[in-house]
Amino acid sequence: MKILMAGAEAFPFYKVGGLGDVLGSLPYALKKLSVDIDVVIPLTRKVEIGDIHGKEDMHSSVGDFVHMWKDKDGVTYHFLAHPSYTNRNEIYKEPDEFELFQIFSVGVASLAKHIGADIVHMNDWHTAFTVVALKYMNIDIKTVLTIHNIAFQGQASPVRLIFFLPEYLWNALRIGTDANILKGGIVLADFVTTVSPSHAKELTTPKYAAPLHECLKKRYEEGTFIGILNGIDTTYWNPLTDPHIWAPYDIEDALESKAVNRRSLRREFGLTDRENAPLLGIVSRLTHQKGIDIFLETADIAVELGFQVVILGTGEDDIEKEVRKAVARLPGDVVFINEYSEKKAHQIYAAATHFMMPSRFEPGGLAAMIAMRYGALPIATRTGGLQDSIIDITENAEGTGFLFEGPHPLPLVKAMLRAYKHFISENYGYNMKVAMEQDFSWDRSAEKYLEVYRYVMR
């Protein structure tokens, strides 16, 4: 069984968010299960391949692609260049991304046939058009679609479709008078998954998935839509071997070494030297979905409780503006690094005592898993993958974080108060170690994906 996993990004070649982490780590867990798996992403200027192992022209109905590939630790990564997007910095958020991802998806379909794939594993709307292209081109290859973030669906006027589709394909895409590429993937794929069991249930409701909730509910009831909790690359995210942090550590010396990392972070990032203050970390896209605005409503209270705060990320202009206001109000206790930095992200995870995720919805919650791996206890909304991966300390002595009903400021404040009281108690060190002991590797998730692949092939 040969799998071609397709997405818009894959670490370390190009990464914007959690999707890049998934395509950079899940394939290796599947490889350990003897799955023959390749990965493909679009080639733009920001993609850093390094040395390539092969290159060829690949013909398609949307023009020629330049197909390049390289082996990375036993997994072959493919890169498709096309004149429509290769000379751009990226495809995301381009005015014509609707067309560009259709073109890339046609390339994915052509590549799948070229390498003899049995299944194309599509990820989000960016590659969901692959199943449409396969059917349009009469290529008999099975498909699995994983929904990482349903907020982005690829919806536009049908005049922007690159093919004149037969009626059954158009109906699969159609919502009102628009074409919705994610809907087409949901309707036409042989199997659909999302990145946590709780989020799968959420996506059957209009609150989380309108206007796609009905087709997802139908597939859920049929048993062809499930949630598989994401994992993390525990080799890469390992505080004992992490080259980015000041003082590497394992479970046994975590308390002392995290304190060393905190002192170094305060000095490097400009926080006031408050030796015994808990440090609240935020590593996030600064968007409405992530609920950063909800936290900002409570930032003054967090500092009054005793927390210091470090925020790393970029995002929506209005939220970045509010972050800067919080820094101006609370100098020395709140710092803002307005960039994406892999190194600084690692340093924050290693230094933080707690990690803030007040998301309005959170499909998988990779950041919370990484935080726990580094001994930072999450304070998070009880939603999606967060409630599937975090055990509330108030409810369970073997807990790993603090969940609150949200997204609202008052429950968040109460959760921070619980977290602070716990921090100054004798139980903090114990629960920190419990969090670090959690198994968030891809192994169990990969076994579930393998079950899906076998089901599809049957």
Protein backbone atom coordinates (compact mmCIF):
# COMPACT_ATOMS: atom_id res chain seq x y z
CA MET A 1 0.00 0.00 0.00
CA LYS A 2 1.54 3.28 -1.14
CA ILE A 3 0.33 6.57 0.36
CA LEU A 4 0.89 10.06 -1.02
CA MET A 5 0.29 12.66 1.71
CA ALA A 6 -0.43 16.12 0.28
CA GLY A 7 -0.46 19.48 2.02
CA ALA A 8 0.47 23.14 1.69
CA GLU A 9 3.43 22.90 4.08
CA ALA A 10 5.79 20.42 5.71
CA PHE A 11 8.49 21.01 8.31
CA PRO A 12 11.43 21.59 7.90
CA PHE A 13 11.03 22.71 4.30
CA TYR A 14 8.22 25.20 4.90
CA LYS A 15 6.09 25.75 7.98
CA VAL A 16 3.41 28.26 8.90
CA GLY A 17 1.53 26.36 11.60
CA GLY A 18 0.54 22.98 12.98
CA LEU A 19 -0.14 21.49 9.55
CA GLY A 20 3.56 21.80 8.75
CA ASP A 21 4.43 19.92 11.95
CA VAL A 22 2.02 17.11 11.05
CA LEU A 23 3.41 16.57 7.55
CA GLY A 24 6.91 16.75 8.97
CA SER A 25 6.38 14.07 11.62
CA LEU A 26 3.36 11.78 11.01
CA PRO A 27 4.97 10.19 7.90
CA TYR A 28 7.84 8.84 10.02
CA ALA A 29 5.47 7.23 12.51
CA LEU A 30 3.67 5.59 9.59
CA LYS A 31 7.00 4.51 8.13
CA LYS A 32 7.74 2.65 11.38
CA LEU A 33 4.54 0.67 10.71
CA SER A 34 5.96 -0.35 7.31
CA VAL A 35 3.71 2.05 5.40
CA ASP A 36 5.20 3.15 2.07
CA ILE A 37 4.53 6.88 2.33
CA ASP A 38 5.59 9.95 0.34
CA VAL A 39 4.77 13.62 0.96
CA VAL A 40 4.15 16.43 -1.56
CA ILE A 41 3.96 20.22 -1.11
CA PRO A 42 3.96 23.16 -3.56
CA LEU A 43 7.32 24.76 -4.33
CA THR A 44 7.47 28.53 -3.74
CA ARG A 45 10.36 30.86 -2.95
CA LYS A 46 10.02 30.30 0.80
CA VAL A 47 10.39 26.54 0.53
CA GLU A 48 13.93 25.53 1.50
CA ILE A 49 14.74 22.16 -0.05
CA GLY A 50 18.52 22.06 -0.02
CA ASP A 51 20.04 19.37 -2.20
CA ILE A 52 17.57 17.50 -4.38
CA HIS A 53 17.80 13.85 -5.40
CA GLY A 54 15.84 14.07 -8.62
CA LYS A 55 14.13 16.41 -11.04
CA GLU A 56 11.84 15.98 -14.06
CA ASP A 57 9.08 17.67 -16.03
CA MET A 58 5.61 16.31 -15.38
CA HIS A 59 2.82 16.99 -17.86
CA SER A 60 -0.73 17.73 -16.74
CA SER A 61 -4.00 19.22 -17.98
CA VAL A 62 -3.07 22.56 -16.38
CA GLY A 63 0.39 22.78 -17.92
CA ASP A 64 3.77 21.34 -17.04
CA PHE A 65 5.00 20.99 -13.48
CA VAL A 66 8.63 20.73 -12.51
CA HIS A 67 8.75 17.77 -10.16
CA MET A 68 11.64 17.60 -7.68
CA TRP A 69 12.16 15.19 -4.85
CA LYS A 70 14.53 14.25 -2.06
CA ASP A 71 14.78 11.56 0.58
CA LYS A 72 14.72 12.64 4.22
CA ASP A 73 15.36 9.87 6.72
CA GLY A 74 13.61 7.28 4.58
CA VAL A 75 10.61 9.39 3.53
CA THR A 76 10.51 10.86 0.02
CA TYR A 77 9.35 14.49 -0.10
CA HIS A 78 8.12 15.78 -3.47
CA PHE A 79 7.97 19.43 -4.51
CA LEU A 80 5.79 20.60 -7.38
CA ALA A 81 6.71 23.82 -9.17
CA HIS A 82 4.23 25.48 -11.53
CA PRO A 83 4.51 28.82 -13.37
CA SER A 84 1.40 30.12 -11.58
CA TYR A 85 2.96 30.09 -8.10
CA THR A 86 6.63 29.09 -8.07
CA ASN A 87 8.01 32.64 -8.22
CA ARG A 88 5.86 33.78 -5.28
CA ASN A 89 6.87 33.78 -1.64
CA GLU A 90 3.85 31.65 -0.76
CA ILE A 91 0.37 30.65 -1.88
CA TYR A 92 -1.50 31.31 1.36
CA LYS A 93 -3.74 34.38 1.38
CA GLU A 94 -2.95 35.31 -2.22
CA PRO A 95 -5.92 36.91 -4.03
CA ASP A 96 -5.97 33.95 -6.44
CA GLU A 97 -5.25 31.18 -3.90
CA PHE A 98 -8.55 29.54 -4.91
CA GLU A 99 -7.13 28.90 -8.38
CA LEU A 100 -3.58 28.21 -7.22
CA PHE A 101 -4.52 25.37 -4.89
CA GLN A 102 -6.71 23.83 -7.58
CA ILE A 103 -3.70 23.83 -9.89
CA PHE A 104 -1.49 22.30 -7.21
CA SER A 105 -4.16 19.66 -6.53
CA VAL A 106 -4.18 18.68 -10.20
CA GLY A 107 -0.43 18.27 -9.87
CA VAL A 108 -0.96 16.06 -6.81
CA ALA A 109 -3.40 13.89 -8.76
CA SER A 110 -0.93 13.58 -11.64
CA LEU A 111 1.93 12.77 -9.26
CA ALA A 112 -0.16 10.13 -7.49
CA LYS A 113 -0.72 8.35 -10.80
CA HIS A 114 2.95 8.82 -11.75
CA ILE A 115 4.32 7.15 -8.59
CA GLY A 116 1.62 4.47 -8.37
CA ALA A 117 -0.04 5.65 -5.16
CA ASP A 118 -2.94 3.62 -3.81
CA ILE A 119 -4.25 6.43 -1.58
CA VAL A 120 -3.88 10.21 -1.62
CA HIS A 121 -4.13 11.61 1.91
CA MET A 122 -5.32 15.21 1.45
CA ASN A 123 -4.98 17.84 4.17
CA ASP A 124 -7.38 20.80 4.48
CA TRP A 125 -9.03 22.60 1.58
CA HIS A 126 -5.71 23.36 -0.07
CA THR A 127 -5.49 19.81 -1.39
CA ALA A 128 -9.15 18.72 -1.19
CA PHE A 129 -9.61 19.47 -4.90
CA THR A 130 -7.34 16.47 -5.57
CA VAL A 131 -10.29 14.09 -5.28
CA VAL A 132 -12.24 16.23 -7.77
CA ALA A 133 -9.26 16.19 -10.15
CA LEU A 134 -8.85 12.41 -9.82
CA LYS A 135 -12.49 11.82 -10.70
CA TYR A 136 -12.46 14.42 -13.50
CA MET A 137 -9.36 12.76 -15.02
CA ASN A 138 -10.77 9.22 -14.47
CA ILE A 139 -7.87 8.15 -12.25
CA ASP A 140 -8.86 5.36 -9.86
CA ILE A 141 -7.01 6.18 -6.65
CA LYS A 142 -8.55 6.15 -3.16
CA THR A 143 -8.65 9.31 -1.05
CA VAL A 144 -8.60 10.30 2.63
CA LEU A 145 -9.21 13.90 3.72
CA THR A 146 -8.06 15.31 7.06
CA ILE A 147 -9.62 18.57 8.26
CA HIS A 148 -7.16 20.54 10.38
CA ASN A 149 -8.95 23.89 10.40
CA ILE A 150 -12.49 24.14 9.10
CA ALA A 151 -12.42 27.94 9.33
CA PHE A 152 -10.75 27.90 5.91
CA GLN A 153 -12.84 26.18 3.24
CA GLY A 154 -11.81 27.49 -0.18
CA GLN A 155 -15.10 29.06 -1.26
CA ALA A 156 -15.60 31.28 -4.31
CA SER A 157 -17.72 31.81 -7.41
CA PRO A 158 -17.83 28.76 -9.70
CA VAL A 159 -16.50 30.89 -12.56
CA ARG A 160 -13.14 30.57 -10.78
CA LEU A 161 -13.08 26.77 -11.09
CA ILE A 162 -10.33 25.70 -13.45
CA PHE A 163 -12.42 22.88 -14.97
CA PHE A 164 -15.93 22.87 -16.37
CA LEU A 165 -17.19 20.08 -14.14
CA PRO A 166 -19.85 17.48 -14.83
CA GLU A 167 -23.01 17.91 -12.79
CA TYR A 168 -22.22 15.31 -10.10
CA LEU A 169 -18.88 16.94 -9.29
CA TRP A 170 -20.36 20.44 -9.32
CA ASN A 171 -23.11 19.32 -6.93
CA ALA A 172 -20.48 17.91 -4.56
CA LEU A 173 -18.80 21.33 -4.42
CA ARG A 174 -21.90 23.48 -4.43
CA ILE A 175 -23.09 25.59 -1.49
CA GLY A 176 -25.77 27.99 -2.69
CA THR A 177 -24.32 29.55 -5.80
CA ASP A 178 -20.69 29.16 -4.71
CA ALA A 179 -18.14 26.40 -5.07
CA ASN A 180 -16.72 25.15 -1.76
CA ILE A 181 -13.62 23.01 -2.25
CA LEU A 182 -13.59 21.60 1.29
CA LYS A 183 -17.20 20.44 0.87
CA GLY A 184 -16.21 18.67 -2.32
CA GLY A 185 -13.49 16.85 -0.43
CA ILE A 186 -15.87 15.90 2.39
CA VAL A 187 -18.51 14.56 0.01
CA LEU A 188 -16.22 12.78 -2.44
CA ALA A 189 -13.33 11.40 -0.33
CA ASP A 190 -13.46 7.74 0.65
CA PHE A 191 -12.85 8.64 4.29
CA VAL A 192 -12.71 11.87 6.32
CA THR A 193 -10.84 12.53 9.55
CA THR A 194 -10.12 15.46 11.81
CA VAL A 195 -7.45 15.90 14.45
CA SER A 196 -9.22 14.92 17.68
CA PRO A 197 -12.28 12.84 18.67
CA SER A 198 -13.99 15.75 20.46
CA HIS A 199 -13.52 18.03 17.46
CA ALA A 200 -15.11 15.42 15.20
CA LYS A 201 -18.26 15.62 17.33
CA GLU A 202 -18.08 19.42 17.33
CA LEU A 203 -17.95 19.49 13.55
CA THR A 204 -21.33 17.79 13.30
CA THR A 205 -22.93 20.95 14.79
CA PRO A 206 -23.67 24.30 13.11
CA LYS A 207 -21.80 26.18 15.87
CA TYR A 208 -18.48 24.75 14.71
CA ALA A 209 -18.97 23.69 11.10
CA ALA A 210 -21.79 25.60 9.38
CA PRO A 211 -22.45 25.31 6.47
CA LEU A 212 -20.66 21.94 6.32
CA HIS A 213 -22.08 20.39 9.49
CA GLU A 214 -24.82 18.44 7.75
CA CYS A 215 -22.54 16.60 5.33
CA LEU A 216 -20.09 15.93 8.18
CA LYS A 217 -22.90 14.66 10.41
CA LYS A 218 -23.99 12.28 7.67
CA ARG A 219 -20.49 10.89 7.30
CA TYR A 220 -20.07 10.69 11.10
CA GLU A 221 -23.24 8.62 11.37
CA GLU A 222 -22.06 6.42 8.49
CA GLY A 223 -18.78 5.79 10.32
CA THR A 224 -16.61 7.37 7.61
CA PHE A 225 -15.73 10.51 9.59
CA ILE A 226 -13.71 10.16 12.80
CA GLY A 227 -11.31 12.15 14.96
CA ILE A 228 -7.72 10.96 15.45
CA LEU A 229 -5.79 12.92 18.06
CA ASN A 230 -2.66 14.52 16.67
CA GLY A 231 0.75 13.71 18.05
CA ILE A 232 4.06 15.54 18.18
CA ASP A 233 7.57 14.62 17.15
CA THR A 234 8.96 13.70 20.57
CA THR A 235 12.49 13.47 19.19
CA TYR A 236 12.40 17.05 17.95
CA TRP A 237 10.41 18.33 20.94
CA ASN A 238 12.68 16.95 23.66
CA PRO A 239 13.87 19.23 26.48
CA LEU A 240 16.82 16.95 27.21
CA THR A 241 18.35 17.27 23.72
CA ASP A 242 16.90 20.63 22.61
CA PRO A 243 19.74 22.74 21.15
CA HIS A 244 17.72 25.97 21.39
CA ILE A 245 17.27 26.19 25.17
CA TRP A 246 19.67 27.48 27.79
CA ALA A 247 19.52 24.53 30.21
CA PRO A 248 18.41 21.13 28.83
CA TYR A 249 16.60 18.87 31.30
CA ASP A 250 14.65 15.69 31.87
CA ILE A 251 11.88 14.91 34.34
CA GLU A 252 14.21 14.47 37.29
CA ASP A 253 15.84 17.92 37.14
CA ALA A 254 12.99 19.80 35.45
CA LEU A 255 12.16 22.11 38.38
CA GLU A 256 15.70 23.41 38.77
CA SER A 257 16.52 23.61 35.05
CA LYS A 258 13.26 25.31 34.11
CA ALA A 259 14.11 27.94 36.73
CA VAL A 260 17.47 28.46 34.99
CA ASN A 261 15.69 28.80 31.65
CA ARG A 262 13.29 31.32 33.19
CA ARG A 263 16.11 33.48 34.50
CA SER A 264 17.77 33.43 31.08
CA LEU A 265 14.50 34.25 29.31
CA ARG A 266 13.79 37.18 31.63
CA ARG A 267 17.23 38.57 30.93
CA GLU A 268 17.10 38.00 27.14
CA PHE A 269 13.48 39.06 26.56
CA GLY A 270 13.34 42.05 28.92
CA LEU A 271 11.13 40.85 31.77
CA THR A 272 11.62 42.20 35.28
CA ASP A 273 13.68 39.87 37.46
CA ARG A 274 10.98 38.34 39.66
CA GLU A 275 12.60 35.07 40.68
CA ASN A 276 9.54 33.36 42.15
CA ALA A 277 6.92 34.59 39.68
CA PRO A 278 5.24 31.97 37.48
CA LEU A 279 5.73 32.57 33.76
CA LEU A 280 2.77 32.33 31.40
CA GLY A 281 3.81 31.55 27.81
CA ILE A 282 1.86 32.17 24.61
CA VAL A 283 3.21 30.85 21.28
CA SER A 284 0.44 31.35 18.77
CA ARG A 285 -0.98 32.89 15.68
CA LEU A 286 -2.63 36.04 17.04
CA THR A 287 -6.10 35.43 15.67
CA HIS A 288 -9.71 35.54 16.79
CA GLN A 289 -9.83 31.73 16.70
CA LYS A 290 -6.98 31.45 19.19
CA GLY A 291 -8.82 33.64 21.72
CA ILE A 292 -5.84 35.90 22.41
CA ASP A 293 -8.24 38.83 22.67
CA ILE A 294 -10.01 37.02 25.52
CA PHE A 295 -6.75 36.66 27.41
CA LEU A 296 -5.86 40.31 26.79
CA GLU A 297 -9.05 41.30 28.61
CA THR A 298 -7.60 39.53 31.66
CA ALA A 299 -3.88 40.36 31.26
CA ASP A 300 -3.91 42.97 34.05
CA ILE A 301 -5.53 40.47 36.41
CA ALA A 302 -2.94 37.82 35.44
CA VAL A 303 -0.16 40.19 36.49
CA GLU A 304 -2.02 41.13 39.68
CA LEU A 305 -2.27 37.44 40.53
CA GLY A 306 1.49 37.18 40.19
CA PHE A 307 2.11 35.95 36.63
CA GLN A 308 4.55 37.33 34.12
CA VAL A 309 3.63 36.90 30.45
CA VAL A 310 5.62 36.35 27.26
CA ILE A 311 3.81 36.38 23.92
CA LEU A 312 5.40 35.19 20.66
CA GLY A 313 3.57 35.41 17.35
CA THR A 314 2.11 37.40 14.50
CA GLY A 315 -1.44 37.74 13.32
CA GLU A 316 -4.41 40.05 12.98
CA ASP A 317 -3.64 43.76 13.20
CA ASP A 318 -6.26 44.56 15.83
CA ILE A 319 -5.04 41.82 18.16
CA GLU A 320 -1.39 42.81 17.72
CA LYS A 321 -2.42 46.37 18.60
CA GLU A 322 -4.10 45.20 21.83
CA VAL A 323 -1.03 43.16 22.75
CA ARG A 324 1.13 46.28 22.44
CA LYS A 325 -1.31 48.18 24.67
CA ALA A 326 -0.97 45.46 27.31
CA VAL A 327 2.83 45.73 27.13
CA ALA A 328 2.59 49.52 27.55
CA ARG A 329 0.32 49.12 30.59
CA LEU A 330 2.37 46.37 32.17
CA PRO A 331 6.02 47.07 31.33
CA GLY A 332 8.44 44.48 32.61
CA ASP A 333 5.69 41.95 33.29
CA VAL A 334 4.38 41.44 29.74
CA VAL A 335 6.66 41.18 26.70
CA PHE A 336 5.72 40.75 23.04
CA ILE A 337 7.96 39.25 20.37
CA ASN A 338 6.14 40.09 17.15
CA GLU A 339 7.60 37.41 14.90
CA TYR A 340 7.66 33.69 14.31
CA SER A 341 10.86 32.19 15.68
CA GLU A 342 11.36 28.45 16.11
CA LYS A 343 14.26 29.06 18.52
CA LYS A 344 12.32 31.51 20.72
CA ALA A 345 9.31 29.19 20.75
CA HIS A 346 11.48 26.42 22.20
CA GLN A 347 12.90 28.82 24.78
CA ILE A 348 9.42 29.88 25.91
CA TYR A 349 8.22 26.28 26.27
CA ALA A 350 11.33 25.47 28.34
CA ALA A 351 11.02 28.51 30.61
CA ALA A 352 7.24 28.74 31.11
CA THR A 353 5.52 27.35 34.17
CA HIS A 354 2.16 27.63 32.41
CA PHE A 355 0.95 27.91 28.83
CA MET A 356 -2.10 29.91 27.74
CA MET A 357 -4.54 28.58 25.09
CA PRO A 358 -7.91 30.37 25.40
CA SER A 359 -9.05 29.17 21.95
CA ARG A 360 -12.59 29.64 20.69
CA PHE A 361 -12.09 26.30 18.98
CA GLU A 362 -8.99 24.14 18.77
CA PRO A 363 -9.07 21.09 16.52
CA GLY A 364 -5.89 19.42 17.74
CA GLY A 365 -3.92 21.55 20.19
CA LEU A 366 -0.35 20.63 19.31
CA ALA A 367 1.02 23.58 21.26
CA ALA A 368 -0.53 22.28 24.47
CA MET A 369 1.09 18.87 23.92
CA ILE A 370 4.48 20.51 23.36
CA ALA A 371 3.98 22.64 26.47
CA MET A 372 3.27 19.57 28.60
CA ARG A 373 6.28 17.78 27.11
CA TYR A 374 8.36 20.71 28.41
CA GLY A 375 6.63 20.83 31.80
CA ALA A 376 4.52 23.95 31.18
CA LEU A 377 0.99 23.33 32.47
CA PRO A 378 -1.68 24.51 29.98
CA ILE A 379 -4.51 26.86 30.92
CA ALA A 380 -6.95 26.15 28.12
CA THR A 381 -10.52 26.23 26.90
CA ARG A 382 -12.40 22.97 27.27
CA THR A 383 -12.78 22.39 23.54
CA GLY A 384 -11.65 20.07 20.74
CA GLY A 385 -8.21 18.52 21.07
CA LEU A 386 -7.48 20.51 24.22
CA GLN A 387 -10.04 18.59 26.25
CA ASP A 388 -8.84 15.33 24.68
CA SER A 389 -5.21 15.89 25.70
CA ILE A 390 -5.32 17.90 28.98
CA ILE A 391 -6.43 16.39 32.29
CA ASP A 392 -7.78 19.06 34.65
CA ILE A 393 -5.78 19.18 37.88
CA THR A 394 -8.73 20.46 39.91
CA GLU A 395 -10.75 17.39 38.91
CA ASN A 396 -7.96 14.80 38.99
CA ALA A 397 -4.87 14.61 41.21
CA GLU A 398 -3.03 13.13 38.19
CA GLY A 399 -3.93 16.18 36.12
CA THR A 400 -1.76 18.01 33.60
CA GLY A 401 -3.35 21.46 33.30
CA PHE A 402 -6.35 23.69 33.88
CA LEU A 403 -9.46 23.68 31.67
CA PHE A 404 -12.15 26.34 31.67
CA GLU A 405 -15.51 26.73 29.97
CA GLY A 406 -15.21 29.36 27.35
CA PRO A 407 -14.44 31.33 25.60
CA HIS A 408 -15.16 33.94 28.28
CA PRO A 409 -12.92 36.13 30.48
CA LEU A 410 -14.45 35.23 33.88
CA PRO A 411 -13.90 31.45 33.66
CA LEU A 412 -10.39 32.17 32.36
CA VAL A 413 -9.63 34.37 35.41
CA LYS A 414 -10.89 31.60 37.71
CA ALA A 415 -8.64 29.09 35.90
CA MET A 416 -5.62 31.38 36.30
CA LEU A 417 -6.40 31.75 40.02
CA ARG A 418 -6.55 27.95 40.36
CA ALA A 419 -3.26 27.68 38.47
CA TYR A 420 -1.53 30.26 40.68
CA LYS A 421 -2.73 28.66 43.92
CA HIS A 422 -1.54 25.30 42.62
CA PHE A 423 1.84 26.79 41.64
CA ILE A 424 2.58 28.00 45.16
CA SER A 425 1.43 24.69 46.66
CA GLU A 426 3.59 21.61 47.11
CA ASN A 427 1.75 19.84 44.25
CA TYR A 428 3.12 21.89 41.35
CA GLY A 429 6.32 19.88 40.85
CA TYR A 430 4.41 16.60 40.92
CA ASN A 431 1.87 17.61 38.26
CA MET A 432 4.61 19.13 36.13
CA LYS A 433 6.25 15.70 36.03
CA VAL A 434 2.91 14.01 35.29
CA ALA A 435 2.49 16.34 32.31
CA MET A 436 5.99 15.55 31.05
CA GLU A 437 5.29 11.81 31.28
CA GLN A 438 2.29 11.95 28.93
CA ASP A 439 2.72 10.02 25.68
CA PHE A 440 2.02 12.44 22.85
CA SER A 441 4.09 10.58 20.28
CA TRP A 442 2.60 9.82 16.87
CA ASP A 443 2.70 6.06 17.45
CA ARG A 444 -0.92 5.51 18.53
CA SER A 445 -2.24 8.05 16.04
CA ALA A 446 -0.29 6.42 13.21
CA GLU A 447 -1.87 3.05 14.04
CA LYS A 448 -5.32 4.63 13.73
CA TYR A 449 -4.44 6.19 10.37
CA LEU A 450 -3.22 2.79 9.22
CA GLU A 451 -6.61 1.33 10.19
CA VAL A 452 -8.27 4.04 8.06
CA TYR A 453 -6.02 3.25 5.08
CA ARG A 454 -6.81 -0.47 5.36
CA TYR A 455 -10.52 0.27 5.59
CA VAL A 456 -10.36 2.43 2.48
CA MET A 457 -8.47 -0.23 0.53
CA ARG A 458 -11.06 -2.85 1.50
